[in-house]
PDB file of N, CA and C in Angstrom:
ATOM      1  N   UNK A   1     -49.052  30.865  17.816  1.00  0.00           N
ATOM      2  CA  UNK A   1     -48.947  29.426  17.609  1.00  0.00           C
ATOM      3  C   UNK A   1     -48.750  29.089  16.134  1.00  0.00           C
ATOM      4  N   UNK A   2     -49.438  29.805  15.250  1.00  0.00           N
ATOM      5  CA  UNK A   2     -49.323  29.531  13.824  1.00  0.00           C
ATOM      6  C   UNK A   2     -47.906  29.789  13.326  1.00  0.00           C
ATOM      7  N   UNK A   3     -47.304  30.875  13.779  1.00  0.00           N
ATOM      8  CA  UNK A   3     -45.943  31.173  13.343  1.00  0.00           C
ATOM      9  C   UNK A   3     -44.940  30.172  13.912  1.00  0.00           C
ATOM     10  N   UNK A   4     -45.188  29.687  15.121  1.00  0.00           N
ATOM     11  CA  UNK A   4     -44.341  28.634  15.679  1.00  0.00           C
ATOM     12  C   UNK A   4     -44.428  27.382  14.805  1.00  0.00           C
ATOM     13  N   UNK A   5     -45.634  27.030  14.404  1.00  0.00           N
ATOM     14  CA  UNK A   5     -45.829  25.866  13.533  1.00  0.00           C
ATOM     15  C   UNK A   5     -45.167  26.082  12.173  1.00  0.00           C
ATOM     16  N   UNK A   6     -45.210  27.303  11.676  1.00  0.00           N
ATOM     17  CA  UNK A   6     -44.560  27.616  10.403  1.00  0.00           C
ATOM     18  C   UNK A   6     -43.035  27.485  10.519  1.00  0.00           C
ATOM     19  N   UNK A   7     -42.477  27.962  11.618  1.00  0.00           N
ATOM     20  CA  UNK A   7     -41.034  27.811  11.853  1.00  0.00           C
ATOM     21  C   UNK A   7     -40.673  26.331  11.953  1.00  0.00           C
ATOM     22  N   UNK A   8     -41.486  25.567  12.676  1.00  0.00           N
ATOM     23  CA  UNK A   8     -41.281  24.126  12.796  1.00  0.00           C
ATOM     24  C   UNK A   8     -41.290  23.471  11.417  1.00  0.00           C
ATOM     25  N   UNK A   9     -42.253  23.857  10.589  1.00  0.00           N
ATOM     26  CA  UNK A   9     -42.373  23.316   9.234  1.00  0.00           C
ATOM     27  C   UNK A   9     -41.126  23.640   8.409  1.00  0.00           C
ATOM     28  N   UNK A  10     -40.654  24.858   8.496  1.00  0.00           N
ATOM     29  CA  UNK A  10     -39.455  25.277   7.757  1.00  0.00           C
ATOM     30  C   UNK A  10     -38.255  24.443   8.181  1.00  0.00           C
ATOM     31  N   UNK A  11     -38.111  24.225   9.464  1.00  0.00           N
ATOM     32  CA  UNK A  11     -36.989  23.422   9.974  1.00  0.00           C
ATOM     33  C   UNK A  11     -37.101  21.976   9.492  1.00  0.00           C
ATOM     34  N   UNK A  12     -38.295  21.408   9.549  1.00  0.00           N
ATOM     35  CA  UNK A  12     -38.484  20.019   9.100  1.00  0.00           C
ATOM     36  C   UNK A  12     -38.168  19.878   7.612  1.00  0.00           C
ATOM     37  N   UNK A  13     -38.595  20.849   6.808  1.00  0.00           N
ATOM     38  CA  UNK A  13     -38.307  20.803   5.368  1.00  0.00           C
ATOM     39  C   UNK A  13     -36.804  20.905   5.110  1.00  0.00           C
ATOM     40  N   UNK A  14     -36.133  21.776   5.827  1.00  0.00           N
ATOM     41  CA  UNK A  14     -34.696  21.955   5.628  1.00  0.00           C
ATOM     42  C   UNK A  14     -33.930  20.695   6.018  1.00  0.00           C
ATOM     43  N   UNK A  15     -34.289  20.114   7.147  1.00  0.00           N
ATOM     44  CA  UNK A  15     -33.639  18.872   7.572  1.00  0.00           C
ATOM     45  C   UNK A  15     -33.917  17.774   6.546  1.00  0.00           C
ATOM     46  N   UNK A  16     -35.152  17.710   6.059  1.00  0.00           N
ATOM     47  CA  UNK A  16     -35.495  16.718   5.034  1.00  0.00           C
ATOM     48  C   UNK A  16     -34.633  16.871   3.789  1.00  0.00           C
ATOM     49  N   UNK A  17     -34.403  18.094   3.346  1.00  0.00           N
ATOM     50  CA  UNK A  17     -33.560  18.322   2.165  1.00  0.00           C
ATOM     51  C   UNK A  17     -32.123  17.864   2.422  1.00  0.00           C
ATOM     52  N   UNK A  18     -31.614  18.131   3.614  1.00  0.00           N
ATOM     53  CA  UNK A  18     -30.252  17.703   3.948  1.00  0.00           C
ATOM     54  C   UNK A  18     -30.166  16.179   4.007  1.00  0.00           C
ATOM     55  N   UNK A  19     -31.232  15.545   4.485  1.00  0.00           N
ATOM     56  CA  UNK A  19     -31.268  14.081   4.478  1.00  0.00           C
ATOM     57  C   UNK A  19     -31.322  13.551   3.043  1.00  0.00           C
ATOM     58  N   UNK A  20     -32.062  14.232   2.150  1.00  0.00           N
ATOM     59  CA  UNK A  20     -32.079  13.813   0.746  1.00  0.00           C
ATOM     60  C   UNK A  20     -30.683  13.915   0.139  1.00  0.00           C
ATOM     61  N   UNK A  21     -29.938  14.945   0.484  1.00  0.00           N
ATOM     62  CA  UNK A  21     -28.568  15.079  -0.017  1.00  0.00           C
ATOM     63  C   UNK A  21     -27.717  13.911   0.479  1.00  0.00           C
ATOM     64  N   UNK A  22     -27.841  13.597   1.775  1.00  0.00           N
ATOM     65  CA  UNK A  22     -27.088  12.467   2.319  1.00  0.00           C
ATOM     66  C   UNK A  22     -27.532  11.162   1.675  1.00  0.00           C
ATOM     67  N   UNK A  23     -28.809  11.063   1.350  1.00  0.00           N
ATOM     68  CA  UNK A  23     -29.336   9.897   0.645  1.00  0.00           C
ATOM     69  C   UNK A  23     -28.683   9.755  -0.729  1.00  0.00           C
ATOM     70  N   UNK A  24     -28.503  10.885  -1.414  1.00  0.00           N
ATOM     71  CA  UNK A  24     -27.845  10.876  -2.727  1.00  0.00           C
ATOM     72  C   UNK A  24     -26.393  10.443  -2.599  1.00  0.00           C
ATOM     73  N   UNK A  25     -25.730  10.887  -1.550  1.00  0.00           N
ATOM     74  CA  UNK A  25     -24.340  10.483  -1.315  1.00  0.00           C
ATOM     75  C   UNK A  25     -24.270   8.983  -1.061  1.00  0.00           C
ATOM     76  N   UNK A  26     -25.197   8.470  -0.262  1.00  0.00           N
ATOM     77  CA  UNK A  26     -25.268   7.029   0.000  1.00  0.00           C
ATOM     78  C   UNK A  26     -25.419   6.271  -1.316  1.00  0.00           C
ATOM     79  N   UNK A  27     -26.345   6.709  -2.165  1.00  0.00           N
ATOM     80  CA  UNK A  27     -26.577   6.047  -3.453  1.00  0.00           C
ATOM     81  C   UNK A  27     -25.336   6.092  -4.333  1.00  0.00           C
ATOM     82  N   UNK A  28     -24.664   7.222  -4.333  1.00  0.00           N
ATOM     83  CA  UNK A  28     -23.458   7.385  -5.141  1.00  0.00           C
ATOM     84  C   UNK A  28     -22.327   6.466  -4.667  1.00  0.00           C
ATOM     85  N   UNK A  29     -22.285   6.196  -3.366  1.00  0.00           N
ATOM     86  CA  UNK A  29     -21.236   5.341  -2.801  1.00  0.00           C
ATOM     87  C   UNK A  29     -21.556   3.854  -2.920  1.00  0.00           C
ATOM     88  N   UNK A  30     -22.693   3.520  -3.475  1.00  0.00           N
ATOM     89  CA  UNK A  30     -23.090   2.119  -3.649  1.00  0.00           C
ATOM     90  C   UNK A  30     -23.494   1.845  -5.099  1.00  0.00           C
ATOM     91  N   UNK A  31     -22.545   1.983  -6.027  1.00  0.00           N
ATOM     92  CA  UNK A  31     -22.872   1.749  -7.441  1.00  0.00           C
ATOM     93  C   UNK A  31     -23.221   0.294  -7.750  1.00  0.00           C
ATOM     94  N   UNK A  32     -22.857  -0.609  -6.842  1.00  0.00           N
ATOM     95  CA  UNK A  32     -23.146  -2.022  -7.065  1.00  0.00           C
ATOM     96  C   UNK A  32     -24.632  -2.354  -6.884  1.00  0.00           C
ATOM     97  N   UNK A  33     -25.368  -1.456  -6.236  1.00  0.00           N
ATOM     98  CA  UNK A  33     -26.791  -1.699  -5.999  1.00  0.00           C
ATOM     99  C   UNK A  33     -27.619  -1.215  -7.186  1.00  0.00           C
ATOM    100  N   UNK A  34     -28.685  -1.952  -7.484  1.00  0.00           N
ATOM    101  CA  UNK A  34     -29.586  -1.465  -8.530  1.00  0.00           C
ATOM    102  C   UNK A  34     -30.406  -0.314  -7.964  1.00  0.00           C
ATOM    103  N   UNK A  35     -31.142   0.364  -8.804  1.00  0.00           N
ATOM    104  CA  UNK A  35     -31.856   1.584  -8.401  1.00  0.00           C
ATOM    105  C   UNK A  35     -32.839   1.335  -7.261  1.00  0.00           C
ATOM    106  N   UNK A  36     -33.536   0.214  -7.284  1.00  0.00           N
ATOM    107  CA  UNK A  36     -34.503  -0.090  -6.223  1.00  0.00           C
ATOM    108  C   UNK A  36     -33.801  -0.286  -4.888  1.00  0.00           C
ATOM    109  N   UNK A  37     -32.706  -1.035  -4.877  1.00  0.00           N
ATOM    110  CA  UNK A  37     -31.986  -1.285  -3.634  1.00  0.00           C
ATOM    111  C   UNK A  37     -31.314  -0.031  -3.088  1.00  0.00           C
ATOM    112  N   UNK A  38     -30.965   0.893  -3.976  1.00  0.00           N
ATOM    113  CA  UNK A  38     -30.384   2.156  -3.512  1.00  0.00           C
ATOM    114  C   UNK A  38     -31.365   2.923  -2.634  1.00  0.00           C
ATOM    115  N   UNK A  39     -32.650   2.725  -2.841  1.00  0.00           N
ATOM    116  CA  UNK A  39     -33.660   3.364  -1.997  1.00  0.00           C
ATOM    117  C   UNK A  39     -34.053   2.466  -0.828  1.00  0.00           C
ATOM    118  N   UNK A  40     -34.261   1.195  -1.089  1.00  0.00           N
ATOM    119  CA  UNK A  40     -34.706   0.268  -0.049  1.00  0.00           C
ATOM    120  C   UNK A  40     -33.694   0.177   1.094  1.00  0.00           C
ATOM    121  N   UNK A  41     -32.406   0.178   0.770  1.00  0.00           N
ATOM    122  CA  UNK A  41     -31.355   0.016   1.782  1.00  0.00           C
ATOM    123  C   UNK A  41     -30.784   1.345   2.286  1.00  0.00           C
ATOM    124  N   UNK A  42     -31.414   2.429   1.928  1.00  0.00           N
ATOM    125  CA  UNK A  42     -30.883   3.748   2.228  1.00  0.00           C
ATOM    126  C   UNK A  42     -31.611   4.372   3.429  1.00  0.00           C
ATOM    127  N   UNK A  43     -30.987   4.332   4.620  1.00  0.00           N
ATOM    128  CA  UNK A  43     -31.662   4.886   5.798  1.00  0.00           C
ATOM    129  C   UNK A  43     -31.892   6.402   5.696  1.00  0.00           C
ATOM    130  N   UNK A  44     -31.017   7.093   4.973  1.00  0.00           N
ATOM    131  CA  UNK A  44     -31.159   8.548   4.822  1.00  0.00           C
ATOM    132  C   UNK A  44     -32.418   8.894   4.030  1.00  0.00           C
ATOM    133  N   UNK A  45     -32.758   8.048   3.078  1.00  0.00           N
ATOM    134  CA  UNK A  45     -33.961   8.260   2.279  1.00  0.00           C
ATOM    135  C   UNK A  45     -35.211   8.173   3.156  1.00  0.00           C
ATOM    136  N   UNK A  46     -35.248   7.172   4.053  1.00  0.00           N
ATOM    137  CA  UNK A  46     -36.392   7.037   4.951  1.00  0.00           C
ATOM    138  C   UNK A  46     -36.478   8.225   5.909  1.00  0.00           C
ATOM    139  N   UNK A  47     -35.332   8.694   6.360  1.00  0.00           N
ATOM    140  CA  UNK A  47     -35.316   9.877   7.218  1.00  0.00           C
ATOM    141  C   UNK A  47     -35.864  11.088   6.494  1.00  0.00           C
ATOM    142  N   UNK A  48     -35.426  11.289   5.250  1.00  0.00           N
ATOM    143  CA  UNK A  48     -35.888  12.433   4.461  1.00  0.00           C
ATOM    144  C   UNK A  48     -37.395  12.389   4.267  1.00  0.00           C
ATOM    145  N   UNK A  49     -37.907  11.226   3.911  1.00  0.00           N
ATOM    146  CA  UNK A  49     -39.349  11.081   3.712  1.00  0.00           C
ATOM    147  C   UNK A  49     -40.099  11.351   5.017  1.00  0.00           C
ATOM    148  N   UNK A  50     -39.546  10.899   6.120  1.00  0.00           N
ATOM    149  CA  UNK A  50     -40.186  11.119   7.417  1.00  0.00           C
ATOM    150  C   UNK A  50     -40.279  12.603   7.750  1.00  0.00           C
ATOM    151  N   UNK A  51     -39.178  13.336   7.542  1.00  0.00           N
ATOM    152  CA  UNK A  51     -39.202  14.771   7.808  1.00  0.00           C
ATOM    153  C   UNK A  51     -40.193  15.485   6.898  1.00  0.00           C
ATOM    154  N   UNK A  52     -40.257  15.064   5.649  1.00  0.00           N
ATOM    155  CA  UNK A  52     -41.204  15.685   4.727  1.00  0.00           C
ATOM    156  C   UNK A  52     -42.645  15.331   5.078  1.00  0.00           C
ATOM    157  N   UNK A  53     -42.883  14.130   5.573  1.00  0.00           N
ATOM    158  CA  UNK A  53     -44.236  13.753   5.995  1.00  0.00           C
ATOM    159  C   UNK A  53     -44.673  14.622   7.174  1.00  0.00           C
ATOM    160  N   UNK A  54     -43.791  14.796   8.141  1.00  0.00           N
ATOM    161  CA  UNK A  54     -44.100  15.642   9.296  1.00  0.00           C
ATOM    162  C   UNK A  54     -44.390  17.068   8.835  1.00  0.00           C
ATOM    163  N   UNK A  55     -43.551  17.567   7.930  1.00  0.00           N
ATOM    164  CA  UNK A  55     -43.755  18.938   7.460  1.00  0.00           C
ATOM    165  C   UNK A  55     -45.060  19.076   6.675  1.00  0.00           C
ATOM    166  N   UNK A  56     -45.463  18.036   5.987  1.00  0.00           N
ATOM    167  CA  UNK A  56     -46.719  18.073   5.236  1.00  0.00           C
ATOM    168  C   UNK A  56     -47.919  18.186   6.173  1.00  0.00           C
ATOM    169  N   UNK A  57     -47.912  17.421   7.251  1.00  0.00           N
ATOM    170  CA  UNK A  57     -49.006  17.519   8.222  1.00  0.00           C
ATOM    171  C   UNK A  57     -49.036  18.908   8.860  1.00  0.00           C
ATOM    172  N   UNK A  58     -47.860  19.435   9.184  1.00  0.00           N
ATOM    173  CA  UNK A  58     -47.792  20.783   9.757  1.00  0.00           C
ATOM    174  C   UNK A  58     -48.302  21.810   8.752  1.00  0.00           C
ATOM    175  N   UNK A  59     -47.945  21.628   7.484  1.00  0.00           N
ATOM    176  CA  UNK A  59     -48.348  22.574   6.437  1.00  0.00           C
ATOM    177  C   UNK A  59     -49.865  22.648   6.304  1.00  0.00           C
ATOM    178  N   UNK A  60     -50.511  21.500   6.326  1.00  0.00           N
ATOM    179  CA  UNK A  60     -51.971  21.479   6.214  1.00  0.00           C
ATOM    180  C   UNK A  60     -52.589  22.228   7.394  1.00  0.00           C
ATOM    181  N   UNK A  61     -52.057  22.030   8.586  1.00  0.00           N
ATOM    182  CA  UNK A  61     -52.561  22.742   9.762  1.00  0.00           C
ATOM    183  C   UNK A  61     -52.320  24.249   9.622  1.00  0.00           C
ATOM    184  N   UNK A  62     -51.153  24.632   9.134  1.00  0.00           N
ATOM    185  CA  UNK A  62     -50.830  26.048   8.923  1.00  0.00           C
ATOM    186  C   UNK A  62     -51.847  26.688   7.982  1.00  0.00           C
ATOM    187  N   UNK A  63     -52.188  25.987   6.913  1.00  0.00           N
ATOM    188  CA  UNK A  63     -53.104  26.553   5.916  1.00  0.00           C
ATOM    189  C   UNK A  63     -54.531  26.700   6.426  1.00  0.00           C
ATOM    190  N   UNK A  64     -54.854  26.034   7.528  1.00  0.00           N
ATOM    191  CA  UNK A  64     -56.174  26.249   8.129  1.00  0.00           C
ATOM    192  C   UNK A  64     -56.202  27.547   8.927  1.00  0.00           C
ATOM    193  N   UNK A  65     -55.021  28.098   9.225  1.00  0.00           N
ATOM    194  CA  UNK A  65     -54.941  29.266  10.102  1.00  0.00           C
ATOM    195  C   UNK A  65     -54.318  30.500   9.440  1.00  0.00           C
ATOM    196  N   UNK A  66     -53.799  30.349   8.238  1.00  0.00           N
ATOM    197  CA  UNK A  66     -53.061  31.440   7.615  1.00  0.00           C
ATOM    198  C   UNK A  66     -53.321  31.451   6.113  1.00  0.00           C
ATOM    199  N   UNK A  67     -53.293  32.620   5.532  1.00  0.00           N
ATOM    200  CA  UNK A  67     -53.438  32.733   4.083  1.00  0.00           C
ATOM    201  C   UNK A  67     -52.212  32.117   3.399  1.00  0.00           C
ATOM    202  N   UNK A  68     -52.466  31.367   2.334  1.00  0.00           N
ATOM    203  CA  UNK A  68     -51.359  30.758   1.597  1.00  0.00           C
ATOM    204  C   UNK A  68     -50.486  31.836   0.943  1.00  0.00           C
ATOM    205  N   UNK A  69     -51.075  32.957   0.615  1.00  0.00           N
ATOM    206  CA  UNK A  69     -50.308  34.049  -0.003  1.00  0.00           C
ATOM    207  C   UNK A  69     -49.298  34.656   0.963  1.00  0.00           C
ATOM    208  N   UNK A  70     -49.472  34.431   2.250  1.00  0.00           N
ATOM    209  CA  UNK A  70     -48.506  34.866   3.256  1.00  0.00           C
ATOM    210  C   UNK A  70     -47.591  33.711   3.646  1.00  0.00           C
ATOM    211  N   UNK A  71     -48.183  32.554   3.914  1.00  0.00           N
ATOM    212  CA  UNK A  71     -47.425  31.407   4.420  1.00  0.00           C
ATOM    213  C   UNK A  71     -46.409  30.874   3.413  1.00  0.00           C
ATOM    214  N   UNK A  72     -46.807  30.760   2.161  1.00  0.00           N
ATOM    215  CA  UNK A  72     -45.920  30.124   1.178  1.00  0.00           C
ATOM    216  C   UNK A  72     -44.626  30.910   0.943  1.00  0.00           C
ATOM    217  N   UNK A  73     -44.696  32.216   0.780  1.00  0.00           N
ATOM    218  CA  UNK A  73     -43.432  32.950   0.627  1.00  0.00           C
ATOM    219  C   UNK A  73     -42.523  32.838   1.863  1.00  0.00           C
ATOM    220  N   UNK A  74     -43.123  32.812   3.054  1.00  0.00           N
ATOM    221  CA  UNK A  74     -42.314  32.661   4.268  1.00  0.00           C
ATOM    222  C   UNK A  74     -41.615  31.307   4.276  1.00  0.00           C
ATOM    223  N   UNK A  75     -42.245  30.323   3.665  1.00  0.00           N
ATOM    224  CA  UNK A  75     -41.660  28.989   3.569  1.00  0.00           C
ATOM    225  C   UNK A  75     -40.312  29.010   2.843  1.00  0.00           C
ATOM    226  N   UNK A  76     -40.075  30.040   2.042  1.00  0.00           N
ATOM    227  CA  UNK A  76     -38.798  30.127   1.317  1.00  0.00           C
ATOM    228  C   UNK A  76     -37.601  30.315   2.249  1.00  0.00           C
ATOM    229  N   UNK A  77     -37.857  30.593   3.511  1.00  0.00           N
ATOM    230  CA  UNK A  77     -36.765  30.644   4.485  1.00  0.00           C
ATOM    231  C   UNK A  77     -36.060  29.292   4.546  1.00  0.00           C
ATOM    232  N   UNK A  78     -36.771  28.229   4.199  1.00  0.00           N
ATOM    233  CA  UNK A  78     -36.145  26.902   4.196  1.00  0.00           C
ATOM    234  C   UNK A  78     -34.967  26.849   3.217  1.00  0.00           C
ATOM    235  N   UNK A  79     -35.007  27.645   2.135  1.00  0.00           N
ATOM    236  CA  UNK A  79     -33.877  27.694   1.205  1.00  0.00           C
ATOM    237  C   UNK A  79     -32.627  28.206   1.915  1.00  0.00           C
ATOM    238  N   UNK A  80     -32.821  29.191   2.767  1.00  0.00           N
ATOM    239  CA  UNK A  80     -31.707  29.778   3.502  1.00  0.00           C
ATOM    240  C   UNK A  80     -31.123  28.760   4.474  1.00  0.00           C
ATOM    241  N   UNK A  81     -31.993  28.138   5.263  1.00  0.00           N
ATOM    242  CA  UNK A  81     -31.513  27.151   6.234  1.00  0.00           C
ATOM    243  C   UNK A  81     -30.834  25.974   5.553  1.00  0.00           C
ATOM    244  N   UNK A  82     -31.376  25.545   4.432  1.00  0.00           N
ATOM    245  CA  UNK A  82     -30.782  24.424   3.703  1.00  0.00           C
ATOM    246  C   UNK A  82     -29.408  24.798   3.161  1.00  0.00           C
ATOM    247  N   UNK A  83     -29.260  25.988   2.625  1.00  0.00           N
ATOM    248  CA  UNK A  83     -27.959  26.436   2.120  1.00  0.00           C
ATOM    249  C   UNK A  83     -26.933  26.522   3.243  1.00  0.00           C
ATOM    250  N   UNK A  84     -27.345  27.036   4.387  1.00  0.00           N
ATOM    251  CA  UNK A  84     -26.435  27.130   5.528  1.00  0.00           C
ATOM    252  C   UNK A  84     -26.078  25.730   6.029  1.00  0.00           C
ATOM    253  N   UNK A  85     -27.067  24.852   6.106  1.00  0.00           N
ATOM    254  CA  UNK A  85     -26.807  23.470   6.511  1.00  0.00           C
ATOM    255  C   UNK A  85     -25.858  22.763   5.554  1.00  0.00           C
ATOM    256  N   UNK A  86     -26.042  22.968   4.262  1.00  0.00           N
ATOM    257  CA  UNK A  86     -25.163  22.353   3.258  1.00  0.00           C
ATOM    258  C   UNK A  86     -23.731  22.876   3.398  1.00  0.00           C
ATOM    259  N   UNK A  87     -23.611  24.135   3.755  1.00  0.00           N
ATOM    260  CA  UNK A  87     -22.282  24.728   3.960  1.00  0.00           C
ATOM    261  C   UNK A  87     -21.565  24.034   5.117  1.00  0.00           C
ATOM    262  N   UNK A  88     -22.255  23.863   6.228  1.00  0.00           N
ATOM    263  CA  UNK A  88     -21.629  23.277   7.417  1.00  0.00           C
ATOM    264  C   UNK A  88     -21.513  21.753   7.355  1.00  0.00           C
ATOM    265  N   UNK A  89     -22.521  21.088   6.832  1.00  0.00           N
ATOM    266  CA  UNK A  89     -22.533  19.623   6.845  1.00  0.00           C
ATOM    267  C   UNK A  89     -21.770  19.026   5.671  1.00  0.00           C
ATOM    268  N   UNK A  90     -21.964  19.585   4.475  1.00  0.00           N
ATOM    269  CA  UNK A  90     -21.373  19.006   3.262  1.00  0.00           C
ATOM    270  C   UNK A  90     -20.222  19.837   2.693  1.00  0.00           C
ATOM    271  N   UNK A  91     -19.850  20.891   3.410  1.00  0.00           N
ATOM    272  CA  UNK A  91     -18.783  21.793   2.978  1.00  0.00           C
ATOM    273  C   UNK A  91     -19.032  22.361   1.582  1.00  0.00           C
ATOM    274  N   UNK A  92     -20.296  22.612   1.267  1.00  0.00           N
ATOM    275  CA  UNK A  92     -20.622  23.258  -0.006  1.00  0.00           C
ATOM    276  C   UNK A  92     -20.312  24.748   0.112  1.00  0.00           C
ATOM    277  N   UNK A  93     -19.871  25.331  -0.973  1.00  0.00           N
ATOM    278  CA  UNK A  93     -19.501  26.745  -0.957  1.00  0.00           C
ATOM    279  C   UNK A  93     -20.727  27.639  -0.972  1.00  0.00           C
ATOM    280  N   UNK A  94     -20.599  28.754  -0.263  1.00  0.00           N
ATOM    281  CA  UNK A  94     -21.595  29.823  -0.345  1.00  0.00           C
ATOM    282  C   UNK A  94     -20.904  30.988  -1.032  1.00  0.00           C
ATOM    283  N   UNK A  95     -21.224  31.189  -2.286  1.00  0.00           N
ATOM    284  CA  UNK A  95     -20.591  32.255  -3.062  1.00  0.00           C
ATOM    285  C   UNK A  95     -21.278  33.587  -2.791  1.00  0.00           C
ATOM    286  N   UNK A  96     -20.709  34.635  -3.329  1.00  0.00           N
ATOM    287  CA  UNK A  96     -21.314  35.958  -3.213  1.00  0.00           C
ATOM    288  C   UNK A  96     -22.708  35.945  -3.834  1.00  0.00           C
ATOM    289  N   UNK A  97     -22.845  35.283  -4.950  1.00  0.00           N
ATOM    290  CA  UNK A  97     -24.158  35.195  -5.610  1.00  0.00           C
ATOM    291  C   UNK A  97     -25.155  34.488  -4.684  1.00  0.00           C
ATOM    292  N   UNK A  98     -24.727  33.395  -4.029  1.00  0.00           N
ATOM    293  CA  UNK A  98     -25.597  32.714  -3.073  1.00  0.00           C
ATOM    294  C   UNK A  98     -26.015  33.649  -1.943  1.00  0.00           C
ATOM    295  N   UNK A  99     -25.051  34.394  -1.421  1.00  0.00           N
ATOM    296  CA  UNK A  99     -25.325  35.298  -0.304  1.00  0.00           C
ATOM    297  C   UNK A  99     -26.292  36.412  -0.724  1.00  0.00           C
ATOM    298  N   UNK A 100     -26.120  36.942  -1.926  1.00  0.00           N
ATOM    299  CA  UNK A 100     -27.036  37.973  -2.432  1.00  0.00           C
ATOM    300  C   UNK A 100     -28.435  37.379  -2.578  1.00  0.00           C
ATOM    301  N   UNK A 101     -28.520  36.175  -3.107  1.00  0.00           N
ATOM    302  CA  UNK A 101     -29.821  35.508  -3.243  1.00  0.00           C
ATOM    303  C   UNK A 101     -30.487  35.302  -1.893  1.00  0.00           C
ATOM    304  N   UNK A 102     -29.716  34.884  -0.899  1.00  0.00           N
ATOM    305  CA  UNK A 102     -30.250  34.696   0.452  1.00  0.00           C
ATOM    306  C   UNK A 102     -30.756  36.025   1.002  1.00  0.00           C
ATOM    307  N   UNK A 103     -29.987  37.092   0.793  1.00  0.00           N
ATOM    308  CA  UNK A 103     -30.409  38.417   1.245  1.00  0.00           C
ATOM    309  C   UNK A 103     -31.716  38.829   0.570  1.00  0.00           C
ATOM    310  N   UNK A 104     -31.837  38.573  -0.738  1.00  0.00           N
ATOM    311  CA  UNK A 104     -33.060  38.929  -1.460  1.00  0.00           C
ATOM    312  C   UNK A 104     -34.265  38.137  -0.953  1.00  0.00           C
ATOM    313  N   UNK A 105     -34.060  36.863  -0.636  1.00  0.00           N
ATOM    314  CA  UNK A 105     -35.145  36.063  -0.064  1.00  0.00           C
ATOM    315  C   UNK A 105     -35.580  36.658   1.264  1.00  0.00           C
ATOM    316  N   UNK A 106     -34.601  37.006   2.109  1.00  0.00           N
ATOM    317  CA  UNK A 106     -34.922  37.587   3.409  1.00  0.00           C
ATOM    318  C   UNK A 106     -35.673  38.909   3.242  1.00  0.00           C
ATOM    319  N   UNK A 107     -35.243  39.719   2.280  1.00  0.00           N
ATOM    320  CA  UNK A 107     -35.917  41.001   2.033  1.00  0.00           C
ATOM    321  C   UNK A 107     -37.347  40.758   1.554  1.00  0.00           C
ATOM    322  N   UNK A 108     -37.524  39.813   0.667  1.00  0.00           N
ATOM    323  CA  UNK A 108     -38.868  39.494   0.164  1.00  0.00           C
ATOM    324  C   UNK A 108     -39.784  38.985   1.267  1.00  0.00           C
ATOM    325  N   UNK A 109     -39.271  38.103   2.117  1.00  0.00           N
ATOM    326  CA  UNK A 109     -40.072  37.592   3.222  1.00  0.00           C
ATOM    327  C   UNK A 109     -40.459  38.720   4.163  1.00  0.00           C
ATOM    328  N   UNK A 110     -39.523  39.635   4.397  1.00  0.00           N
ATOM    329  CA  UNK A 110     -39.815  40.790   5.268  1.00  0.00           C
ATOM    330  C   UNK A 110     -40.936  41.648   4.670  1.00  0.00           C
ATOM    331  N   UNK A 111     -40.878  41.885   3.374  1.00  0.00           N
ATOM    332  CA  UNK A 111     -41.917  42.699   2.722  1.00  0.00           C
ATOM    333  C   UNK A 111     -43.282  42.030   2.785  1.00  0.00           C
ATOM    334  N   UNK A 112     -43.319  40.732   2.571  1.00  0.00           N
ATOM    335  CA  UNK A 112     -44.584  40.004   2.578  1.00  0.00           C
ATOM    336  C   UNK A 112     -45.174  39.962   3.982  1.00  0.00           C
ATOM    337  N   UNK A 113     -44.309  39.935   4.986  1.00  0.00           N
ATOM    338  CA  UNK A 113     -44.765  39.828   6.372  1.00  0.00           C
ATOM    339  C   UNK A 113     -45.326  41.133   6.919  1.00  0.00           C
ATOM    340  N   UNK A 114     -45.074  42.237   6.225  1.00  0.00           N
ATOM    341  CA  UNK A 114     -45.598  43.525   6.672  1.00  0.00           C
ATOM    342  C   UNK A 114     -47.111  43.524   6.518  1.00  0.00           C
ATOM    343  N   UNK A 115     -47.798  43.921   7.530  1.00  0.00           N
ATOM    344  CA  UNK A 115     -49.272  43.915   7.475  1.00  0.00           C
ATOM    345  C   UNK A 115     -49.806  45.242   7.062  1.00  0.00           C
TER     346      UNK A 115
END
């Protein structure tokens, strides 16, 4: 159950980051709005905050059941999901350097997960 909650948390964080990116695009496309209105009128911003709020509650529950020294490094999988999401949703490039970094994160998570 704890690992399921951790996977859920990783997904919520990744979706939240993608919503923040879309929020930034919204803000960029509305230069006529002042800084406050760029947030107040930005539905993507509210979505991002919502996903992060959900992930925060899940994170606190995870930490009651798992060592932070194990859970936190596994959380870095969200970097991988976010990069893949950015590639498909925003057509951001995944360079060789990005791919090597993703591989290193996966290798590190695998090492930490060994009991």
